[in-house]
Amino acid sequence: MLRNVGSTWVVTLVTIVVTYALTPFVIHALGQDGYGTWTLITSMTGYMGLLALGIPMASVRYLAQHVAEGDLKKTNQTIASCAGLYLMIGGAAALIGLALIALFVMGFDIPNALRAEARLAFALMTLQVAAGFIGLLPEGILLAHHNFVLRNVVRLGALMLRLALTVGLLKLHASLVMLALVQTACLAFDFGLCWALIRRTYPGVRLTLRYFDWGVVRRIFSFSLYVLLLTAGVRLTFETDALVIGAFMGVGPIAFYAVANSIVVYLMEFVIAIAAVVAPMATKLSTEGKLADLREIYLKWSKVALSLTLMVGLFLLTLGPQFIGWWIGPSFEAPAGQVLQILVLSSFVFLPVRGVALPILMGLGKPGLPAVAFLASGVLNLALSILLVGPLGLMGVALGTAIPNVLFAAVILTAACRELKVGTLVYLRYVVPRAALGALPVLALLLWFRLGVQVQGVAGLVAAGVAMVLLFGVTWVFFVYRNDPYVDLRGRFRVRA
């Protein structure tokens, strides 16, 4: 399990580096209004992903079960049934997306100079999203076989392609259309290479519609409808903010929020790397009746998730605004920095639950409560954002996201503990106290760099980051994980998952 999570962390680190390089380049190439318009396009077309109806997560669960059972026939039936559904959904998405172009142009204050290319970019992204449904299938097959390393190698190749094409095409002609073409090219590369590797690695796997089975479809839908609600909640939580800002404040301020939110999203990717492995592992261990091992995974990786969130989150909380000012520009430091701090505070509670407790419930085939809770959280996010954007602006939208996330985490944590028969107090005693106490000297060090040294430039930020990592490492080895029943970083590191 550690190898699979580790390979995903490598992809996340490379993604952060690529994003670090591309974000200021794209903002300056397109301008603030252009970047805000692009964020609006990706947010609106992203909602069409709801048409997937939760099939990707459902397919991974059932494929993982069939792979664990060694049933190749059922595996191929599930693949074919998902492929047929994806093709039908993709066609519907293309029609719906093209119809939304008029709403996009008329419903938001798009600058006149950008309207023509924005319409074309929206159409291209609609087609990319429609094709992206079938593009999800190879990933599901690889994850069901627990072959995260191979999947992540392909993702690294796609990231390098995205970097090269974005820089090359935007230097040739900086436009929204070029960015949309980059997304389409990366999707084609990812799908083609993944499927070629699947054919070579798993020769018994077939992608043919002649194995399509309506009985399998009904079984997938019985699970995926809950996942649809979950996905709707995710969209409302993380994709709605740009729409609210665009509707009430214009496209320009979207860029401030998008920069801060992107940093939190990549912190979340580190934790979701755990989730991607935990969900199929939960299905496998449940199928094999190894619930004691699953409880150990739950506790051990929850503490790891909290530790990662604290390490990165404390730096962002104290020096994140200064980093944004150096990274993007001084005009972004205050507005984007305030948004970042609010979102990071909620992440300390939300991310460990999102990374471990939620995928365990999904892997166990218990999607009902998570789906309803995430949907309720998303609706509350939308309502609070609309209510608070007027008096508080961008900070109100950030609070509209942060508050529901904390409430969601409390509900899911309680449910996961109950399902695994782990007392909530047992969970909290193992995961939280030592990590929280260990964070205090790290926080004090970072506050000294901010208030005492008053770092601003890259040299000061790097020095603060290096010092923080060293202190964090020493504190976690000799205090947080000292005599830990599952992980001893002083020399007895055990991984039994």
Protein backbone atom coordinates (compact mmCIF):
# COMPACT_ATOMS: atom_id res chain seq x y z
CA MET A 1 0.00 0.00 0.00
CA LEU A 2 2.83 2.40 0.84
CA ARG A 3 4.33 1.98 -2.65
CA ASN A 4 0.99 2.80 -4.28
CA VAL A 5 0.44 5.85 -2.10
CA GLY A 6 4.05 6.92 -2.57
CA SER A 7 3.83 6.78 -6.36
CA THR A 8 0.70 8.93 -6.20
CA TRP A 9 2.51 11.42 -3.98
CA VAL A 10 5.25 11.64 -6.61
CA VAL A 11 2.61 12.53 -9.21
CA THR A 12 1.15 15.13 -6.85
CA LEU A 13 4.57 16.71 -6.28
CA VAL A 14 5.24 16.87 -10.01
CA THR A 15 1.74 18.30 -10.54
CA ILE A 16 2.47 21.02 -7.98
CA VAL A 17 5.75 21.87 -9.71
CA VAL A 18 4.02 22.01 -13.11
CA THR A 19 1.21 24.14 -11.67
CA TYR A 20 3.76 26.38 -9.94
CA ALA A 21 5.40 27.00 -13.31
CA LEU A 22 2.24 27.29 -15.41
CA THR A 23 -0.14 29.33 -13.24
CA PRO A 24 1.71 32.69 -13.34
CA PHE A 25 2.62 32.05 -16.97
CA VAL A 26 -1.03 31.47 -17.95
CA ILE A 27 -2.31 34.40 -15.86
CA HIS A 28 0.14 36.80 -17.45
CA ALA A 29 -0.40 35.35 -20.94
CA LEU A 30 -4.22 35.58 -20.79
CA GLY A 31 -4.57 38.51 -18.38
CA GLN A 32 -6.64 38.50 -15.19
CA ASP A 33 -9.97 38.63 -17.06
CA GLY A 34 -8.86 35.89 -19.44
CA TYR A 35 -7.78 33.62 -16.60
CA GLY A 36 -11.01 34.32 -14.73
CA THR A 37 -13.00 33.45 -17.85
CA TRP A 38 -11.05 30.20 -18.28
CA THR A 39 -11.74 29.25 -14.65
CA LEU A 40 -15.43 29.96 -15.25
CA ILE A 41 -15.41 27.71 -18.35
CA THR A 42 -13.78 24.80 -16.52
CA SER A 43 -16.19 25.21 -13.58
CA MET A 44 -19.29 25.13 -15.78
CA THR A 45 -18.16 22.28 -18.01
CA GLY A 46 -16.96 20.45 -14.91
CA TYR A 47 -20.57 20.19 -13.76
CA MET A 48 -21.27 17.99 -16.76
CA GLY A 49 -19.13 15.41 -15.01
CA LEU A 50 -22.19 14.75 -12.86
CA LEU A 51 -23.59 12.90 -15.87
CA ALA A 52 -21.13 10.13 -15.05
CA LEU A 53 -23.74 9.18 -12.43
CA GLY A 54 -21.09 7.87 -10.07
CA ILE A 55 -20.10 5.10 -12.49
CA PRO A 56 -16.29 5.58 -12.11
CA MET A 57 -16.28 4.90 -8.36
CA ALA A 58 -18.83 2.13 -8.73
CA SER A 59 -16.81 0.48 -11.49
CA VAL A 60 -13.64 0.52 -9.37
CA ARG A 61 -15.49 -1.08 -6.47
CA TYR A 62 -17.01 -3.91 -8.51
CA LEU A 63 -13.92 -4.43 -10.65
CA ALA A 64 -11.78 -4.65 -7.49
CA GLN A 65 -14.18 -7.25 -6.10
CA HIS A 66 -14.09 -9.35 -9.29
CA VAL A 67 -10.29 -9.09 -9.51
CA ALA A 68 -9.98 -10.22 -5.87
CA GLU A 69 -12.25 -13.17 -6.70
CA GLY A 70 -10.29 -13.95 -9.88
CA ASP A 71 -13.47 -13.84 -12.00
CA LEU A 72 -12.32 -12.66 -15.46
CA LYS A 73 -15.76 -13.06 -17.03
CA LYS A 74 -17.45 -10.71 -14.56
CA THR A 75 -14.52 -8.31 -14.89
CA ASN A 76 -15.02 -8.05 -18.66
CA GLN A 77 -18.79 -7.75 -18.27
CA THR A 78 -18.33 -4.83 -15.90
CA ILE A 79 -15.85 -3.16 -18.25
CA ALA A 80 -18.17 -3.55 -21.25
CA SER A 81 -21.21 -2.34 -19.33
CA CYS A 82 -19.37 0.74 -18.10
CA ALA A 83 -18.08 1.44 -21.61
CA GLY A 84 -21.58 1.31 -23.05
CA LEU A 85 -22.87 3.64 -20.36
CA TYR A 86 -19.98 6.06 -20.90
CA LEU A 87 -20.69 6.26 -24.63
CA MET A 88 -24.36 7.07 -24.04
CA ILE A 89 -23.55 9.60 -21.34
CA GLY A 90 -20.87 11.22 -23.49
CA GLY A 91 -23.37 11.80 -26.29
CA ALA A 92 -25.84 13.38 -23.88
CA ALA A 93 -23.10 15.56 -22.37
CA ALA A 94 -22.12 16.90 -25.78
CA LEU A 95 -25.69 17.97 -26.55
CA ILE A 96 -26.25 19.53 -23.13
CA GLY A 97 -22.91 21.34 -23.16
CA LEU A 98 -23.47 22.88 -26.56
CA ALA A 99 -26.86 24.14 -25.38
CA LEU A 100 -25.21 25.77 -22.35
CA ILE A 101 -22.96 28.00 -24.46
CA ALA A 102 -25.69 30.65 -24.79
CA LEU A 103 -26.27 30.61 -21.02
CA PHE A 104 -22.53 30.98 -20.43
CA VAL A 105 -22.23 34.07 -22.64
CA MET A 106 -25.47 35.76 -21.56
CA GLY A 107 -25.41 34.81 -17.88
CA PHE A 108 -21.97 36.22 -17.06
CA ASP A 109 -20.25 39.52 -17.79
CA ILE A 110 -17.62 38.22 -20.23
CA PRO A 111 -15.49 41.08 -21.66
CA ASN A 112 -16.38 41.79 -25.29
CA ALA A 113 -12.85 41.08 -26.47
CA LEU A 114 -13.08 37.55 -25.08
CA ARG A 115 -16.62 36.57 -26.06
CA ALA A 116 -15.88 34.94 -29.44
CA GLU A 117 -12.95 32.81 -28.29
CA ALA A 118 -14.73 32.04 -25.00
CA ARG A 119 -17.64 30.51 -26.92
CA LEU A 120 -15.30 28.36 -29.01
CA ALA A 121 -13.25 27.32 -25.97
CA PHE A 122 -16.45 26.39 -24.13
CA ALA A 123 -17.53 24.21 -27.09
CA LEU A 124 -14.13 22.47 -27.22
CA MET A 125 -14.17 21.83 -23.47
CA THR A 126 -17.69 20.42 -23.81
CA LEU A 127 -16.45 17.88 -26.36
CA GLN A 128 -13.42 17.12 -24.18
CA VAL A 129 -15.64 16.43 -21.16
CA ALA A 130 -17.93 14.24 -23.29
CA ALA A 131 -14.97 12.17 -24.52
CA GLY A 132 -13.54 12.12 -21.01
CA PHE A 133 -16.22 9.73 -19.76
CA ILE A 134 -14.89 6.80 -21.78
CA GLY A 135 -11.42 8.07 -20.87
CA LEU A 136 -12.12 7.17 -17.24
CA LEU A 137 -12.33 3.46 -17.99
CA PRO A 138 -8.60 2.56 -18.25
CA GLU A 139 -7.91 4.24 -14.92
CA GLY A 140 -10.67 2.20 -13.26
CA ILE A 141 -9.18 -1.03 -14.61
CA LEU A 142 -5.68 -0.20 -13.34
CA LEU A 143 -6.92 0.90 -9.91
CA ALA A 144 -9.03 -2.24 -9.54
CA HIS A 145 -5.85 -4.29 -10.11
CA HIS A 146 -4.06 -2.09 -7.51
CA ASN A 147 -1.59 -1.10 -10.24
CA PHE A 148 -1.20 2.49 -9.12
CA VAL A 149 2.45 2.65 -10.16
CA LEU A 150 1.69 2.00 -13.83
CA ARG A 151 -1.22 4.43 -13.76
CA ASN A 152 0.96 7.09 -12.20
CA VAL A 153 3.70 6.66 -14.78
CA VAL A 154 1.15 7.51 -17.47
CA ARG A 155 -0.07 10.49 -15.46
CA LEU A 156 3.50 11.79 -15.24
CA GLY A 157 3.81 11.54 -19.01
CA ALA A 158 0.54 13.45 -19.44
CA LEU A 159 1.78 16.16 -17.06
CA MET A 160 4.96 16.64 -19.07
CA LEU A 161 2.91 16.83 -22.26
CA ARG A 162 0.58 19.39 -20.68
CA LEU A 163 3.54 21.53 -19.60
CA ALA A 164 5.17 21.46 -23.04
CA LEU A 165 1.96 22.09 -24.98
CA THR A 166 0.74 24.89 -22.70
CA VAL A 167 3.99 26.82 -22.90
CA GLY A 168 4.47 26.16 -26.61
CA LEU A 169 0.92 26.92 -27.77
CA LEU A 170 0.39 29.97 -25.55
CA LYS A 171 3.66 31.45 -26.73
CA LEU A 172 2.49 30.82 -30.29
CA HIS A 173 -0.93 32.35 -29.61
CA ALA A 174 -2.22 33.15 -26.11
CA SER A 175 -5.92 32.27 -26.14
CA LEU A 176 -8.59 30.26 -24.35
CA VAL A 177 -8.92 28.05 -27.43
CA MET A 178 -5.29 26.95 -27.17
CA LEU A 179 -5.81 25.94 -23.53
CA ALA A 180 -8.85 23.86 -24.53
CA LEU A 181 -6.82 22.13 -27.25
CA VAL A 182 -4.14 21.25 -24.69
CA GLN A 183 -6.73 19.52 -22.49
CA THR A 184 -8.01 17.48 -25.44
CA ALA A 185 -4.52 16.40 -26.50
CA CYS A 186 -3.64 15.29 -22.96
CA LEU A 187 -6.85 13.23 -22.70
CA ALA A 188 -6.08 11.43 -25.97
CA PHE A 189 -2.52 10.69 -24.83
CA ASP A 190 -3.66 9.40 -21.43
CA PHE A 191 -6.35 7.10 -22.81
CA GLY A 192 -4.26 5.70 -25.64
CA LEU A 193 -1.19 4.90 -23.55
CA CYS A 194 -3.19 3.49 -20.62
CA TRP A 195 -5.13 1.14 -22.84
CA ALA A 196 -1.99 -0.06 -24.64
CA LEU A 197 -0.38 -0.87 -21.28
CA ILE A 198 -3.52 -2.66 -20.04
CA ARG A 199 -3.57 -4.87 -23.13
CA ARG A 200 0.05 -5.79 -22.52
CA THR A 201 -0.17 -6.26 -18.73
CA TYR A 202 -3.60 -7.93 -18.52
CA PRO A 203 -4.11 -9.82 -21.80
CA GLY A 204 -7.35 -11.35 -20.54
CA VAL A 205 -9.02 -7.96 -20.18
CA ARG A 206 -11.28 -7.03 -23.10
CA LEU A 207 -13.02 -3.82 -24.10
CA THR A 208 -15.88 -4.90 -26.32
CA LEU A 209 -19.56 -4.05 -26.15
CA ARG A 210 -20.59 -7.65 -26.84
CA TYR A 211 -20.07 -8.33 -23.11
CA PHE A 212 -22.51 -5.54 -22.23
CA ASP A 213 -25.00 -6.79 -19.63
CA TRP A 214 -28.06 -4.92 -18.36
CA GLY A 215 -27.97 -6.90 -15.12
CA VAL A 216 -24.50 -5.55 -14.43
CA VAL A 217 -25.75 -2.06 -15.33
CA ARG A 218 -28.52 -2.30 -12.74
CA ARG A 219 -26.06 -3.43 -10.09
CA ILE A 220 -23.70 -0.55 -10.92
CA PHE A 221 -26.56 1.94 -10.74
CA SER A 222 -27.64 0.63 -7.35
CA PHE A 223 -24.28 1.81 -6.00
CA SER A 224 -23.55 4.68 -8.38
CA LEU A 225 -26.69 6.69 -7.66
CA TYR A 226 -25.33 7.31 -4.19
CA VAL A 227 -21.98 8.23 -5.72
CA LEU A 228 -23.82 10.66 -7.99
CA LEU A 229 -25.10 12.49 -4.92
CA LEU A 230 -21.58 12.45 -3.51
CA THR A 231 -20.16 13.86 -6.75
CA ALA A 232 -22.85 16.54 -6.85
CA GLY A 233 -21.82 17.56 -3.35
CA VAL A 234 -18.17 17.69 -4.38
CA ARG A 235 -19.03 19.89 -7.36
CA LEU A 236 -21.13 22.21 -5.25
CA THR A 237 -18.32 22.43 -2.70
CA PHE A 238 -15.35 22.98 -5.02
CA GLU A 239 -16.73 24.17 -8.36
CA THR A 240 -19.49 26.59 -7.35
CA ASP A 241 -17.32 29.31 -5.87
CA ALA A 242 -16.16 30.57 -9.26
CA LEU A 243 -19.78 30.74 -10.46
CA VAL A 244 -20.87 32.72 -7.38
CA ILE A 245 -17.97 35.14 -7.71
CA GLY A 246 -18.56 35.53 -11.45
CA ALA A 247 -22.25 36.22 -10.94
CA PHE A 248 -21.89 38.69 -8.03
CA MET A 249 -18.41 40.22 -8.46
CA GLY A 250 -17.43 39.73 -12.13
CA VAL A 251 -14.82 37.49 -13.76
CA GLY A 252 -11.76 39.45 -12.57
CA PRO A 253 -11.88 38.49 -8.85
CA ILE A 254 -12.23 34.81 -9.80
CA ALA A 255 -8.47 34.76 -10.42
CA PHE A 256 -7.72 35.71 -6.78
CA TYR A 257 -9.92 32.92 -5.45
CA ALA A 258 -8.75 30.38 -8.03
CA VAL A 259 -5.08 30.87 -7.11
CA ALA A 260 -5.74 30.33 -3.38
CA ASN A 261 -8.10 27.43 -3.99
CA SER A 262 -5.63 25.69 -6.32
CA ILE A 263 -3.04 25.56 -3.52
CA VAL A 264 -5.55 23.93 -1.16
CA VAL A 265 -6.67 21.54 -3.90
CA TYR A 266 -3.11 20.30 -4.36
CA LEU A 267 -2.76 19.85 -0.61
CA MET A 268 -5.95 17.82 -0.85
CA GLU A 269 -4.41 15.76 -3.68
CA PHE A 270 -1.74 14.51 -1.28
CA VAL A 271 -4.45 13.21 1.02
CA ILE A 272 -6.66 11.90 -1.79
CA ALA A 273 -3.64 9.87 -2.90
CA ILE A 274 -4.29 7.87 0.26
CA ALA A 275 -8.02 7.71 -0.53
CA ALA A 276 -7.40 6.30 -4.02
CA VAL A 277 -5.57 3.34 -2.50
CA VAL A 278 -7.73 2.92 0.61
CA ALA A 279 -11.07 2.51 -1.23
CA PRO A 280 -10.19 -0.59 -3.31
CA MET A 281 -8.14 -1.92 -0.39
CA ALA A 282 -11.22 -1.67 1.84
CA THR A 283 -13.20 -3.65 -0.73
CA LYS A 284 -10.48 -6.29 -0.94
CA LEU A 285 -10.07 -6.70 2.84
CA SER A 286 -13.82 -6.74 3.36
CA THR A 287 -14.20 -9.45 0.69
CA GLU A 288 -11.47 -11.48 2.41
CA GLY A 289 -12.97 -10.92 5.89
CA LYS A 290 -9.86 -9.11 7.24
CA LEU A 291 -11.64 -6.41 9.21
CA ALA A 292 -8.91 -6.17 11.85
CA ASP A 293 -6.42 -5.18 9.15
CA LEU A 294 -8.90 -2.61 7.86
CA ARG A 295 -9.22 -1.05 11.33
CA GLU A 296 -5.45 -0.75 11.49
CA ILE A 297 -5.39 0.97 8.08
CA TYR A 298 -8.11 3.34 9.26
CA LEU A 299 -6.22 4.48 12.34
CA LYS A 300 -2.71 4.44 10.90
CA TRP A 301 -3.45 6.32 7.70
CA SER A 302 -5.75 8.82 9.40
CA LYS A 303 -2.81 9.88 11.53
CA VAL A 304 -0.59 10.03 8.45
CA ALA A 305 -3.19 12.17 6.66
CA LEU A 306 -3.43 14.57 9.59
CA SER A 307 0.36 14.78 9.79
CA LEU A 308 0.68 15.68 6.11
CA THR A 309 -2.09 18.26 6.40
CA LEU A 310 -0.42 19.86 9.41
CA MET A 311 3.02 19.99 7.81
CA VAL A 312 1.88 21.75 4.64
CA GLY A 313 -1.09 23.57 6.16
CA LEU A 314 0.90 25.32 8.90
CA PHE A 315 3.27 26.77 6.32
CA LEU A 316 0.37 27.97 4.16
CA LEU A 317 -1.46 29.40 7.17
CA THR A 318 1.47 31.54 8.28
CA LEU A 319 3.47 32.27 5.11
CA GLY A 320 0.98 31.38 2.36
CA PRO A 321 0.06 35.02 1.54
CA GLN A 322 3.73 35.97 1.20
CA PHE A 323 4.27 32.96 -1.06
CA ILE A 324 1.37 34.00 -3.30
CA GLY A 325 2.69 37.57 -3.48
CA TRP A 326 6.08 36.33 -4.63
CA TRP A 327 4.66 33.60 -6.89
CA ILE A 328 1.93 35.49 -8.78
CA GLY A 329 2.37 39.16 -7.90
CA PRO A 330 1.97 41.64 -5.03
CA SER A 331 -1.64 42.45 -6.01
CA PHE A 332 -2.62 38.84 -5.24
CA GLU A 333 -1.03 38.67 -1.76
CA ALA A 334 -3.83 40.16 0.34
CA PRO A 335 -7.04 38.96 -1.38
CA ALA A 336 -5.79 35.48 -2.33
CA GLY A 337 -3.86 35.13 0.95
CA GLN A 338 -6.93 35.72 3.12
CA VAL A 339 -8.91 33.14 1.15
CA LEU A 340 -6.05 30.66 1.49
CA GLN A 341 -5.87 31.02 5.27
CA ILE A 342 -9.61 30.41 5.73
CA LEU A 343 -9.59 27.31 3.52
CA VAL A 344 -6.48 25.89 5.19
CA LEU A 345 -8.00 26.17 8.68
CA SER A 346 -10.95 24.00 7.65
CA SER A 347 -8.58 21.55 5.94
CA PHE A 348 -7.10 20.48 9.27
CA VAL A 349 -10.45 18.88 10.08
CA PHE A 350 -11.74 18.04 6.61
CA LEU A 351 -8.78 16.44 4.83
CA PRO A 352 -7.93 13.53 7.17
CA VAL A 353 -11.58 12.43 7.01
CA ARG A 354 -11.78 12.97 3.25
CA GLY A 355 -8.61 10.98 2.74
CA VAL A 356 -9.34 7.90 4.86
CA ALA A 357 -12.76 7.66 6.52
CA LEU A 358 -14.77 8.53 3.41
CA PRO A 359 -13.06 6.08 0.99
CA ILE A 360 -13.30 3.28 3.57
CA LEU A 361 -17.07 3.75 3.75
CA MET A 362 -17.28 3.77 -0.05
CA GLY A 363 -15.06 0.69 -0.33
CA LEU A 364 -17.28 -1.14 2.14
CA GLY A 365 -20.31 -0.42 -0.04
CA LYS A 366 -21.79 2.08 2.41
CA PRO A 367 -22.25 5.15 0.19
CA GLY A 368 -25.61 6.35 1.51
CA LEU A 369 -24.63 8.62 4.39
CA PRO A 370 -21.48 10.04 2.70
CA ALA A 371 -23.49 10.86 -0.42
CA VAL A 372 -26.29 12.63 1.45
CA ALA A 373 -23.83 14.41 3.77
CA PHE A 374 -21.65 15.68 0.91
CA LEU A 375 -24.69 16.84 -1.04
CA ALA A 376 -26.04 18.67 2.02
CA SER A 377 -22.59 20.18 2.55
CA GLY A 378 -22.49 21.37 -1.06
CA VAL A 379 -25.95 22.93 -0.87
CA LEU A 380 -25.01 24.67 2.38
CA ASN A 381 -21.80 25.88 0.71
CA LEU A 382 -23.78 27.42 -2.14
CA ALA A 383 -26.28 29.07 0.21
CA LEU A 384 -23.64 30.48 2.56
CA SER A 385 -21.48 31.72 -0.33
CA ILE A 386 -24.41 33.62 -1.86
CA LEU A 387 -25.37 34.99 1.56
CA LEU A 388 -21.85 36.10 2.52
CA VAL A 389 -20.39 37.26 -0.81
CA GLY A 390 -22.20 40.60 -0.53
CA PRO A 391 -20.96 41.76 2.89
CA LEU A 392 -17.62 39.90 2.94
CA GLY A 393 -16.65 39.44 -0.71
CA LEU A 394 -14.09 36.71 -1.39
CA MET A 395 -13.72 35.96 2.32
CA GLY A 396 -17.45 35.27 2.52
CA VAL A 397 -17.19 32.75 -0.32
CA ALA A 398 -14.26 31.08 1.45
CA LEU A 399 -16.22 30.84 4.70
CA GLY A 400 -19.10 29.39 2.70
CA THR A 401 -16.78 26.53 1.75
CA ALA A 402 -14.95 26.12 5.07
CA ILE A 403 -17.90 25.83 7.45
CA PRO A 404 -19.76 23.02 5.59
CA ASN A 405 -16.51 21.08 5.17
CA VAL A 406 -15.97 20.96 8.92
CA LEU A 407 -19.54 19.84 9.56
CA PHE A 408 -19.23 17.14 6.88
CA ALA A 409 -16.03 15.82 8.44
CA ALA A 410 -17.71 15.45 11.85
CA VAL A 411 -20.57 13.40 10.37
CA ILE A 412 -18.36 11.07 8.29
CA LEU A 413 -15.84 10.50 11.08
CA THR A 414 -18.61 9.35 13.41
CA ALA A 415 -20.09 7.06 10.74
CA ALA A 416 -16.75 5.44 9.87
CA CYS A 417 -15.93 4.77 13.52
CA ARG A 418 -19.33 3.18 14.01
CA GLU A 419 -19.01 1.02 10.87
CA LEU A 420 -15.56 -0.28 11.82
CA LYS A 421 -16.48 -0.64 15.51
CA VAL A 422 -13.74 1.78 16.52
CA GLY A 423 -14.74 4.11 19.34
CA THR A 424 -14.67 7.77 18.33
CA LEU A 425 -12.67 8.60 21.45
CA VAL A 426 -10.23 5.79 20.61
CA TYR A 427 -9.78 7.30 17.14
CA LEU A 428 -9.31 10.83 18.49
CA ARG A 429 -6.87 9.73 21.22
CA TYR A 430 -4.67 7.94 18.69
CA VAL A 431 -4.82 10.41 15.79
CA VAL A 432 -5.03 13.92 17.26
CA PRO A 433 -3.27 14.76 20.60
CA ARG A 434 0.37 14.03 19.78
CA ALA A 435 0.08 15.47 16.29
CA ALA A 436 -1.50 18.66 17.68
CA LEU A 437 1.16 19.04 20.39
CA GLY A 438 3.92 18.30 17.88
CA ALA A 439 2.58 21.07 15.66
CA LEU A 440 3.09 23.76 18.31
CA PRO A 441 6.89 24.16 17.97
CA VAL A 442 6.53 24.07 14.17
CA LEU A 443 3.91 26.84 14.33
CA ALA A 444 6.11 28.89 16.69
CA LEU A 445 9.04 28.60 14.28
CA LEU A 446 6.93 29.72 11.31
CA LEU A 447 5.47 32.66 13.27
CA TRP A 448 9.03 33.73 14.11
CA PHE A 449 9.90 33.71 10.42
CA ARG A 450 6.78 35.74 9.64
CA LEU A 451 6.71 38.26 12.51
CA GLY A 452 10.33 38.31 13.59
CA VAL A 453 12.29 37.89 10.37
CA GLN A 454 9.37 39.16 8.22
CA VAL A 455 10.33 37.02 5.24
CA GLN A 456 9.08 38.07 1.82
CA GLY A 457 11.39 36.90 -0.97
CA VAL A 458 12.13 33.44 -2.26
CA ALA A 459 15.29 33.00 -0.14
CA GLY A 460 13.41 33.66 3.10
CA LEU A 461 10.49 31.44 2.11
CA VAL A 462 12.81 28.57 1.17
CA ALA A 463 14.76 28.95 4.42
CA ALA A 464 11.53 28.91 6.42
CA GLY A 465 10.30 25.85 4.54
CA VAL A 466 13.55 23.91 5.04
CA ALA A 467 13.72 24.78 8.73
CA MET A 468 10.07 23.78 9.17
CA VAL A 469 10.56 20.40 7.47
CA LEU A 470 13.62 19.61 9.60
CA LEU A 471 11.86 20.52 12.84
CA PHE A 472 8.75 18.68 11.76
CA GLY A 473 10.76 15.55 10.97
CA VAL A 474 12.56 15.55 14.33
CA THR A 475 9.34 16.22 16.25
CA TRP A 476 7.39 13.51 14.45
CA VAL A 477 10.12 10.87 14.77
CA PHE A 478 10.95 11.45 18.44
CA PHE A 479 7.57 12.53 19.79
CA VAL A 480 4.49 12.13 17.59
CA TYR A 481 5.32 8.57 16.45
CA ARG A 482 7.35 7.52 19.46
CA ASN A 483 6.17 4.07 20.65
CA ASP A 484 3.36 4.20 18.12
CA PRO A 485 1.52 0.85 17.97
CA TYR A 486 1.44 0.86 14.15
CA VAL A 487 4.34 2.99 12.92
CA ASP A 488 7.71 3.57 14.59
CA LEU A 489 9.76 6.04 12.56
CA ARG A 490 12.84 5.44 14.69
CA GLY A 491 13.66 2.21 12.92
CA ARG A 492 10.74 -0.16 13.18
CA PHE A 493 8.54 1.16 10.35
CA ARG A 494 5.94 -1.51 9.78
CA VAL A 495 3.50 -1.59 6.87
CA ARG A 496 1.12 -4.50 7.02
CA ALA A 497 -1.42 -3.15 4.47
